[in-house]
């Protein structure tokens, strides 16, 4: 395909099926002439307003209203695609470019071409690493009884930690110790500033 077409841009469209699916979509723009640069953008905010409780019960996605910031972002893409892109970041998205000759056409993932991640890759290239399970003991709590005790859930992981706010849940085989690190395999952990 890239013999006839050249990659002009990859624009992140965000999780447009949220809250039903957190898969992020991208708009890939191809042109006939080789561009000097390929442009990339990452959208940083929510895309559509939705009342997920009502929609989940109906089983239908329904019509969702886009946030004004998302509409502005899409309008920016439409306006700037075939003109000179404004290169500065905006509050709602990041925009960057790399020389077309540096684009890996086998790796069309937006994050692969992110300059911040590329810097990290260079920084850690050749650094000795170990698998996390060789350095620490990884525990996955399992329910052991029907007893109800206070349990920590993802939503409880915020600073300052409030033990009194913990809800009851089934007792597990894991008791937290000082120094333990909690990692969620689903959900979003609140940032320390919130």
C-alpha atoms as a PDB file:
ATOM      1  CA  UNK A   1       0.000   0.000   0.000  1.00  0.00           C
ATOM      2  CA  UNK A   2       2.824   2.443   0.841  1.00  0.00           C
ATOM      3  CA  UNK A   3       4.290   2.092  -2.636  1.00  0.00           C
ATOM      4  CA  UNK A   4       1.368   4.145  -3.963  1.00  0.00           C
ATOM      5  CA  UNK A   5       0.387   6.118  -0.865  1.00  0.00           C
ATOM      6  CA  UNK A   6       2.403   8.087   1.697  1.00  0.00           C
ATOM      7  CA  UNK A   7       1.551   8.636   5.363  1.00  0.00           C
ATOM      8  CA  UNK A   8       0.705  12.284   6.059  1.00  0.00           C
ATOM      9  CA  UNK A   9      -0.791  11.967   9.548  1.00  0.00           C
ATOM     10  CA  UNK A  10      -2.116   9.770  12.333  1.00  0.00           C
ATOM     11  CA  UNK A  11      -4.672  11.542  14.523  1.00  0.00           C
ATOM     12  CA  UNK A  12      -5.899  10.023  17.754  1.00  0.00           C
ATOM     13  CA  UNK A  13      -9.712  10.143  17.858  1.00  0.00           C
ATOM     14  CA  UNK A  14      -9.952   8.983  21.468  1.00  0.00           C
ATOM     15  CA  UNK A  15     -12.193   6.313  22.955  1.00  0.00           C
ATOM     16  CA  UNK A  16     -15.213   7.172  20.826  1.00  0.00           C
ATOM     17  CA  UNK A  17     -17.196   4.130  22.004  1.00  0.00           C
ATOM     18  CA  UNK A  18     -16.688   4.905  25.689  1.00  0.00           C
ATOM     19  CA  UNK A  19     -18.125   3.839  28.149  1.00  0.00           C
ATOM     20  CA  UNK A  20     -18.782   0.578  26.282  1.00  0.00           C
ATOM     21  CA  UNK A  21     -15.248   0.138  24.990  1.00  0.00           C
ATOM     22  CA  UNK A  22     -12.038   1.982  25.912  1.00  0.00           C
ATOM     23  CA  UNK A  23     -10.371   1.141  22.616  1.00  0.00           C
ATOM     24  CA  UNK A  24      -8.875   4.292  21.114  1.00  0.00           C
ATOM     25  CA  UNK A  25      -9.396   4.965  17.414  1.00  0.00           C
ATOM     26  CA  UNK A  26      -7.072   6.762  15.004  1.00  0.00           C
ATOM     27  CA  UNK A  27      -7.619   8.577  11.735  1.00  0.00           C
ATOM     28  CA  UNK A  28      -4.859   7.762   9.244  1.00  0.00           C
ATOM     29  CA  UNK A  29      -4.419  10.194   6.350  1.00  0.00           C
ATOM     30  CA  UNK A  30      -2.614   9.045   3.214  1.00  0.00           C
ATOM     31  CA  UNK A  31      -1.499  11.195   0.265  1.00  0.00           C
ATOM     32  CA  UNK A  32       0.040  10.481  -3.141  1.00  0.00           C
ATOM     33  CA  UNK A  33       3.106  12.763  -2.812  1.00  0.00           C
ATOM     34  CA  UNK A  34       5.795  12.127  -0.191  1.00  0.00           C
ATOM     35  CA  UNK A  35       5.435  14.704   2.595  1.00  0.00           C
ATOM     36  CA  UNK A  36       8.487  16.197   4.318  1.00  0.00           C
ATOM     37  CA  UNK A  37       6.939  15.438   7.724  1.00  0.00           C
ATOM     38  CA  UNK A  38       4.340  13.079   9.148  1.00  0.00           C
ATOM     39  CA  UNK A  39       2.062  14.589  11.792  1.00  0.00           C
ATOM     40  CA  UNK A  40       0.695  12.925  14.911  1.00  0.00           C
ATOM     41  CA  UNK A  41      -1.751  14.033  17.566  1.00  0.00           C
ATOM     42  CA  UNK A  42      -3.001  12.626  20.851  1.00  0.00           C
ATOM     43  CA  UNK A  43      -6.380  13.736  22.187  1.00  0.00           C
ATOM     44  CA  UNK A  44      -6.201  14.258  25.972  1.00  0.00           C
ATOM     45  CA  UNK A  45      -9.816  14.641  27.097  1.00  0.00           C
ATOM     46  CA  UNK A  46     -13.168  12.849  26.949  1.00  0.00           C
ATOM     47  CA  UNK A  47     -14.916  12.546  23.613  1.00  0.00           C
ATOM     48  CA  UNK A  48     -18.663  12.126  24.181  1.00  0.00           C
ATOM     49  CA  UNK A  49     -21.066  12.844  27.014  1.00  0.00           C
ATOM     50  CA  UNK A  50     -23.123   9.819  27.968  1.00  0.00           C
ATOM     51  CA  UNK A  51     -25.355   8.576  30.705  1.00  0.00           C
ATOM     52  CA  UNK A  52     -23.791   5.146  30.942  1.00  0.00           C
ATOM     53  CA  UNK A  53     -26.326   3.848  33.486  1.00  0.00           C
ATOM     54  CA  UNK A  54     -29.285   4.397  31.160  1.00  0.00           C
ATOM     55  CA  UNK A  55     -27.414   3.157  28.095  1.00  0.00           C
ATOM     56  CA  UNK A  56     -26.125  -0.016  29.762  1.00  0.00           C
ATOM     57  CA  UNK A  57     -29.627  -1.099  30.707  1.00  0.00           C
ATOM     58  CA  UNK A  58     -30.977  -0.574  27.226  1.00  0.00           C
ATOM     59  CA  UNK A  59     -28.167  -2.525  25.571  1.00  0.00           C
ATOM     60  CA  UNK A  60     -27.954   0.191  22.901  1.00  0.00           C
ATOM     61  CA  UNK A  61     -25.239   2.740  22.464  1.00  0.00           C
ATOM     62  CA  UNK A  62     -27.726   5.480  21.646  1.00  0.00           C
ATOM     63  CA  UNK A  63     -26.911   8.990  20.551  1.00  0.00           C
ATOM     64  CA  UNK A  64     -24.173  10.695  22.479  1.00  0.00           C
ATOM     65  CA  UNK A  65     -23.346  14.380  22.452  1.00  0.00           C
ATOM     66  CA  UNK A  66     -19.688  15.298  21.817  1.00  0.00           C
ATOM     67  CA  UNK A  67     -17.912  17.603  24.241  1.00  0.00           C
ATOM     68  CA  UNK A  68     -17.234  21.073  22.738  1.00  0.00           C
ATOM     69  CA  UNK A  69     -13.466  20.493  23.104  1.00  0.00           C
ATOM     70  CA  UNK A  70     -13.754  17.327  21.021  1.00  0.00           C
ATOM     71  CA  UNK A  71     -15.698  19.143  18.297  1.00  0.00           C
ATOM     72  CA  UNK A  72     -12.954  21.820  18.229  1.00  0.00           C
ATOM     73  CA  UNK A  73     -10.317  19.120  17.929  1.00  0.00           C
ATOM     74  CA  UNK A  74     -12.099  17.449  14.986  1.00  0.00           C
ATOM     75  CA  UNK A  75     -12.529  20.862  13.343  1.00  0.00           C
ATOM     76  CA  UNK A  76      -8.796  21.493  13.808  1.00  0.00           C
ATOM     77  CA  UNK A  77      -8.022  18.207  12.041  1.00  0.00           C
ATOM     78  CA  UNK A  78     -10.354  19.077   9.158  1.00  0.00           C
ATOM     79  CA  UNK A  79      -8.951  22.596   8.786  1.00  0.00           C
ATOM     80  CA  UNK A  80      -5.244  21.839   9.187  1.00  0.00           C
ATOM     81  CA  UNK A  81      -4.907  18.490   7.402  1.00  0.00           C
ATOM     82  CA  UNK A  82      -3.753  19.884   4.080  1.00  0.00           C
ATOM     83  CA  UNK A  83      -2.242  23.141   5.285  1.00  0.00           C
ATOM     84  CA  UNK A  84       0.629  23.978   7.608  1.00  0.00           C
ATOM     85  CA  UNK A  85      -0.122  22.491  10.997  1.00  0.00           C
ATOM     86  CA  UNK A  86       0.166  24.693  14.044  1.00  0.00           C
ATOM     87  CA  UNK A  87       2.880  22.849  15.919  1.00  0.00           C
ATOM     88  CA  UNK A  88       2.214  23.888  19.502  1.00  0.00           C
ATOM     89  CA  UNK A  89       0.311  21.717  21.946  1.00  0.00           C
ATOM     90  CA  UNK A  90      -3.195  22.738  22.929  1.00  0.00           C
ATOM     91  CA  UNK A  91      -4.946  22.181  26.247  1.00  0.00           C
ATOM     92  CA  UNK A  92      -6.994  19.355  24.714  1.00  0.00           C
ATOM     93  CA  UNK A  93      -4.371  17.596  22.564  1.00  0.00           C
ATOM     94  CA  UNK A  94      -0.686  17.177  21.747  1.00  0.00           C
ATOM     95  CA  UNK A  95       0.606  17.614  18.207  1.00  0.00           C
ATOM     96  CA  UNK A  96       4.050  16.630  16.900  1.00  0.00           C
ATOM     97  CA  UNK A  97       5.760  15.726  13.668  1.00  0.00           C
ATOM     98  CA  UNK A  98       8.741  13.687  12.580  1.00  0.00           C
ATOM     99  CA  UNK A  99      10.533  13.584   9.237  1.00  0.00           C
ATOM    100  CA  UNK A 100       8.736  11.246   6.849  1.00  0.00           C
ATOM    101  CA  UNK A 101      11.993   9.343   6.323  1.00  0.00           C
ATOM    102  CA  UNK A 102      12.013   8.456  10.078  1.00  0.00           C
ATOM    103  CA  UNK A 103       8.498   6.973  10.115  1.00  0.00           C
ATOM    104  CA  UNK A 104       8.352   3.199  10.568  1.00  0.00           C
ATOM    105  CA  UNK A 105       5.509   2.250   8.239  1.00  0.00           C
ATOM    106  CA  UNK A 106       5.291  -1.195   9.844  1.00  0.00           C
ATOM    107  CA  UNK A 107       4.428   0.472  13.170  1.00  0.00           C
ATOM    108  CA  UNK A 108       1.382   2.681  12.646  1.00  0.00           C
ATOM    109  CA  UNK A 109       0.620   2.900  16.361  1.00  0.00           C
ATOM    110  CA  UNK A 110       0.481   6.499  17.523  1.00  0.00           C
ATOM    111  CA  UNK A 111       2.462   5.814  20.697  1.00  0.00           C
ATOM    112  CA  UNK A 112       5.324   4.183  18.807  1.00  0.00           C
ATOM    113  CA  UNK A 113       6.152   7.538  17.194  1.00  0.00           C
ATOM    114  CA  UNK A 114       5.630   9.621  20.375  1.00  0.00           C
ATOM    115  CA  UNK A 115       8.891  11.567  20.932  1.00  0.00           C
ATOM    116  CA  UNK A 116       8.597  11.250  24.737  1.00  0.00           C
ATOM    117  CA  UNK A 117       8.349   7.463  24.475  1.00  0.00           C
ATOM    118  CA  UNK A 118      11.135   7.364  21.891  1.00  0.00           C
ATOM    119  CA  UNK A 119      13.369   9.244  24.371  1.00  0.00           C
ATOM    120  CA  UNK A 120      12.559   6.641  27.036  1.00  0.00           C
ATOM    121  CA  UNK A 121      13.367   3.821  24.624  1.00  0.00           C
ATOM    122  CA  UNK A 122      16.774   5.351  23.865  1.00  0.00           C
ATOM    123  CA  UNK A 123      17.400   6.045  27.573  1.00  0.00           C
ATOM    124  CA  UNK A 124      16.684   2.439  28.579  1.00  0.00           C
ATOM    125  CA  UNK A 125      18.241   0.735  25.549  1.00  0.00           C
ATOM    126  CA  UNK A 126      20.958  -1.590  26.825  1.00  0.00           C
ATOM    127  CA  UNK A 127      19.980  -1.157  30.490  1.00  0.00           C
ATOM    128  CA  UNK A 128      19.978  -4.396  32.444  1.00  0.00           C
ATOM    129  CA  UNK A 129      16.441  -5.351  33.472  1.00  0.00           C
ATOM    130  CA  UNK A 130      14.755  -8.150  35.377  1.00  0.00           C
ATOM    131  CA  UNK A 131      11.248  -9.488  35.243  1.00  0.00           C
ATOM    132  CA  UNK A 132       9.139  -7.994  38.045  1.00  0.00           C
ATOM    133  CA  UNK A 133       8.177 -11.446  39.345  1.00  0.00           C
ATOM    134  CA  UNK A 134      11.879 -12.173  39.975  1.00  0.00           C
ATOM    135  CA  UNK A 135      12.219  -9.048  42.132  1.00  0.00           C
ATOM    136  CA  UNK A 136       9.000  -9.117  44.153  1.00  0.00           C
ATOM    137  CA  UNK A 137       6.311 -11.509  45.229  1.00  0.00           C
ATOM    138  CA  UNK A 138       3.171 -10.907  43.186  1.00  0.00           C
ATOM    139  CA  UNK A 139      -0.077 -11.787  44.931  1.00  0.00           C
ATOM    140  CA  UNK A 140      -3.538 -11.978  43.411  1.00  0.00           C
ATOM    141  CA  UNK A 141      -6.121 -11.983  46.209  1.00  0.00           C
ATOM    142  CA  UNK A 142      -8.652 -14.806  46.123  1.00  0.00           C
ATOM    143  CA  UNK A 143     -11.899 -15.018  48.057  1.00  0.00           C
ATOM    144  CA  UNK A 144     -11.533 -17.576  50.853  1.00  0.00           C
ATOM    145  CA  UNK A 145     -14.702 -17.290  52.919  1.00  0.00           C
ATOM    146  CA  UNK A 146     -18.162 -15.831  52.898  1.00  0.00           C
ATOM    147  CA  UNK A 147     -17.056 -13.530  55.743  1.00  0.00           C
ATOM    148  CA  UNK A 148     -17.429  -9.843  55.054  1.00  0.00           C
ATOM    149  CA  UNK A 149     -14.513  -7.565  55.967  1.00  0.00           C
ATOM    150  CA  UNK A 150     -13.338  -4.095  54.910  1.00  0.00           C
ATOM    151  CA  UNK A 151     -11.574  -4.407  51.544  1.00  0.00           C
ATOM    152  CA  UNK A 152      -9.585  -2.009  49.370  1.00  0.00           C
ATOM    153  CA  UNK A 153     -10.944  -1.422  45.878  1.00  0.00           C
ATOM    154  CA  UNK A 154      -9.466   0.621  43.059  1.00  0.00           C
ATOM    155  CA  UNK A 155     -11.666   3.606  43.911  1.00  0.00           C
ATOM    156  CA  UNK A 156     -10.139   3.669  47.420  1.00  0.00           C
ATOM    157  CA  UNK A 157      -6.603   4.218  46.136  1.00  0.00           C
ATOM    158  CA  UNK A 158      -6.281   7.951  46.649  1.00  0.00           C
ATOM    159  CA  UNK A 159      -4.399  10.244  48.979  1.00  0.00           C
ATOM    160  CA  UNK A 160      -4.990  10.707  51.828  1.00  0.00           C
ATOM    161  CA  UNK A 161      -6.008   7.091  52.327  1.00  0.00           C
ATOM    162  CA  UNK A 162      -9.277   6.853  54.295  1.00  0.00           C
ATOM    163  CA  UNK A 163      -9.653   3.532  56.133  1.00  0.00           C
ATOM    164  CA  UNK A 164     -13.056   4.514  57.503  1.00  0.00           C
ATOM    165  CA  UNK A 165     -14.450   4.920  53.963  1.00  0.00           C
ATOM    166  CA  UNK A 166     -13.643   1.316  52.962  1.00  0.00           C
ATOM    167  CA  UNK A 167     -16.647  -0.800  52.062  1.00  0.00           C
ATOM    168  CA  UNK A 168     -17.167  -4.391  53.100  1.00  0.00           C
ATOM    169  CA  UNK A 169     -16.446  -7.225  50.722  1.00  0.00           C
ATOM    170  CA  UNK A 170     -15.542 -10.907  50.831  1.00  0.00           C
ATOM    171  CA  UNK A 171     -12.441 -11.801  52.844  1.00  0.00           C
ATOM    172  CA  UNK A 172      -9.428 -12.771  50.736  1.00  0.00           C
ATOM    173  CA  UNK A 173      -6.266 -14.769  51.312  1.00  0.00           C
ATOM    174  CA  UNK A 174      -4.152 -11.586  51.187  1.00  0.00           C
ATOM    175  CA  UNK A 175      -3.559  -9.246  54.121  1.00  0.00           C
ATOM    176  CA  UNK A 176      -1.838  -5.979  53.233  1.00  0.00           C
ATOM    177  CA  UNK A 177       1.514  -5.272  54.844  1.00  0.00           C
ATOM    178  CA  UNK A 178       3.438  -2.032  55.228  1.00  0.00           C
ATOM    179  CA  UNK A 179       5.313  -1.340  51.981  1.00  0.00           C
ATOM    180  CA  UNK A 180       2.932  -3.320  49.744  1.00  0.00           C
ATOM    181  CA  UNK A 181       2.205  -1.847  46.327  1.00  0.00           C
ATOM    182  CA  UNK A 182      -1.333  -2.192  44.976  1.00  0.00           C
ATOM    183  CA  UNK A 183      -1.748  -2.490  41.214  1.00  0.00           C
ATOM    184  CA  UNK A 184      -5.189  -2.705  39.649  1.00  0.00           C
ATOM    185  CA  UNK A 185      -5.766  -5.003  36.684  1.00  0.00           C
ATOM    186  CA  UNK A 186      -8.919  -3.049  35.833  1.00  0.00           C
ATOM    187  CA  UNK A 187     -10.343   0.338  36.622  1.00  0.00           C
ATOM    188  CA  UNK A 188      -8.580   3.653  37.087  1.00  0.00           C
ATOM    189  CA  UNK A 189      -6.575   4.513  40.160  1.00  0.00           C
ATOM    190  CA  UNK A 190      -6.985   8.128  41.304  1.00  0.00           C
ATOM    191  CA  UNK A 191      -3.933  10.356  41.042  1.00  0.00           C
ATOM    192  CA  UNK A 192      -2.250  11.389  44.321  1.00  0.00           C
ATOM    193  CA  UNK A 193      -3.344  15.009  43.860  1.00  0.00           C
ATOM    194  CA  UNK A 194      -7.045  14.165  43.905  1.00  0.00           C
END
